[in-house]
Amino acid sequence: MKHVTVLVIGMLLLVLGAQGAIRLLADHGDAGLLTWLPGGFAVRLACYAVAVVAGAALAGWGSRKARQGGHGR
């Protein structure tokens, strides 16, 4: 069950990061969830990119572990 939780958290990070990065690229003034973050466009875009990479890694790891653990009991 904990691997499925990691999978869901990874997918959420992936979606929120990708959506935020696309929003920021389309409109540089709309920072979305990272409006509070100082540093401007480049820092916000880098944070969204880190969220995408971390989300993809977590989702992939959670998916592999959930499949290995005999999830269909």
Protein backbone atom coordinates (compact mmCIF):
# COMPACT_ATOMS: atom_id res chain seq x y z
CA MET A 1 0.00 0.00 0.00
CA LYS A 2 2.87 2.42 0.74
CA HIS A 3 4.22 1.95 -2.79
CA VAL A 4 0.86 2.95 -4.25
CA THR A 5 0.95 6.07 -2.06
CA VAL A 6 4.41 6.94 -3.41
CA LEU A 7 3.08 6.35 -6.94
CA VAL A 8 0.16 8.73 -6.38
CA ILE A 9 2.38 11.42 -4.83
CA GLY A 10 4.78 11.08 -7.77
CA MET A 11 1.97 11.46 -10.28
CA LEU A 12 0.68 14.55 -8.46
CA LEU A 13 4.14 16.13 -8.49
CA LEU A 14 4.53 15.30 -12.17
CA VAL A 15 1.19 16.83 -13.12
CA LEU A 16 1.57 19.95 -10.97
CA GLY A 17 5.12 20.54 -12.17
CA ALA A 18 4.28 20.10 -15.84
CA GLN A 19 1.15 22.24 -15.60
CA GLY A 20 3.03 24.99 -13.77
CA ALA A 21 5.91 24.97 -16.22
CA ILE A 22 3.58 25.18 -19.22
CA ARG A 23 1.61 27.99 -17.56
CA LEU A 24 4.82 29.89 -16.80
CA LEU A 25 6.14 29.45 -20.34
CA ALA A 26 2.87 30.66 -21.85
CA ASP A 27 2.58 33.69 -19.55
CA HIS A 28 5.76 34.75 -17.74
CA GLY A 29 3.76 36.76 -15.21
CA ASP A 30 1.58 33.85 -14.06
CA ALA A 31 3.70 31.79 -11.66
CA GLY A 32 0.86 29.65 -10.35
CA LEU A 33 1.70 27.89 -7.08
CA LEU A 34 5.18 29.39 -6.93
CA THR A 35 4.09 33.04 -6.87
CA TRP A 36 5.61 33.39 -3.40
CA LEU A 37 9.05 32.23 -4.56
CA PRO A 38 11.60 35.03 -5.06
CA GLY A 39 14.04 34.92 -7.94
CA GLY A 40 11.91 35.46 -10.99
CA PHE A 41 11.18 33.42 -14.07
CA ALA A 42 14.30 31.22 -14.21
CA VAL A 43 14.09 30.11 -10.57
CA ARG A 44 10.39 29.31 -10.82
CA LEU A 45 10.86 27.38 -14.06
CA ALA A 46 13.73 25.41 -12.50
CA CYS A 47 11.56 24.52 -9.50
CA TYR A 48 8.78 23.29 -11.77
CA ALA A 49 11.32 21.25 -13.74
CA VAL A 50 12.64 19.69 -10.51
CA ALA A 51 9.06 18.82 -9.54
CA VAL A 52 8.53 17.12 -12.92
CA VAL A 53 11.72 15.07 -12.66
CA ALA A 54 11.11 14.12 -9.01
CA GLY A 55 7.50 13.22 -9.76
CA ALA A 56 8.45 11.03 -12.70
CA ALA A 57 11.12 9.29 -10.63
CA LEU A 58 8.79 8.69 -7.68
CA ALA A 59 5.96 7.47 -9.90
CA GLY A 60 8.26 5.10 -11.75
CA TRP A 61 9.78 3.72 -8.56
CA GLY A 62 6.38 3.32 -6.88
CA SER A 63 4.96 1.59 -9.94
CA ARG A 64 7.81 -0.92 -10.11
CA LYS A 65 7.65 -1.67 -6.40
CA ALA A 66 3.85 -2.05 -6.43
CA ARG A 67 4.07 -4.54 -9.29
CA GLN A 68 6.86 -6.53 -7.60
CA GLY A 69 5.04 -6.71 -4.30
CA GLY A 70 2.19 -8.91 -5.57
CA HIS A 71 -0.30 -6.08 -5.67
CA GLY A 72 -3.12 -8.28 -6.98
CA ARG A 73 -3.66 -10.36 -3.81
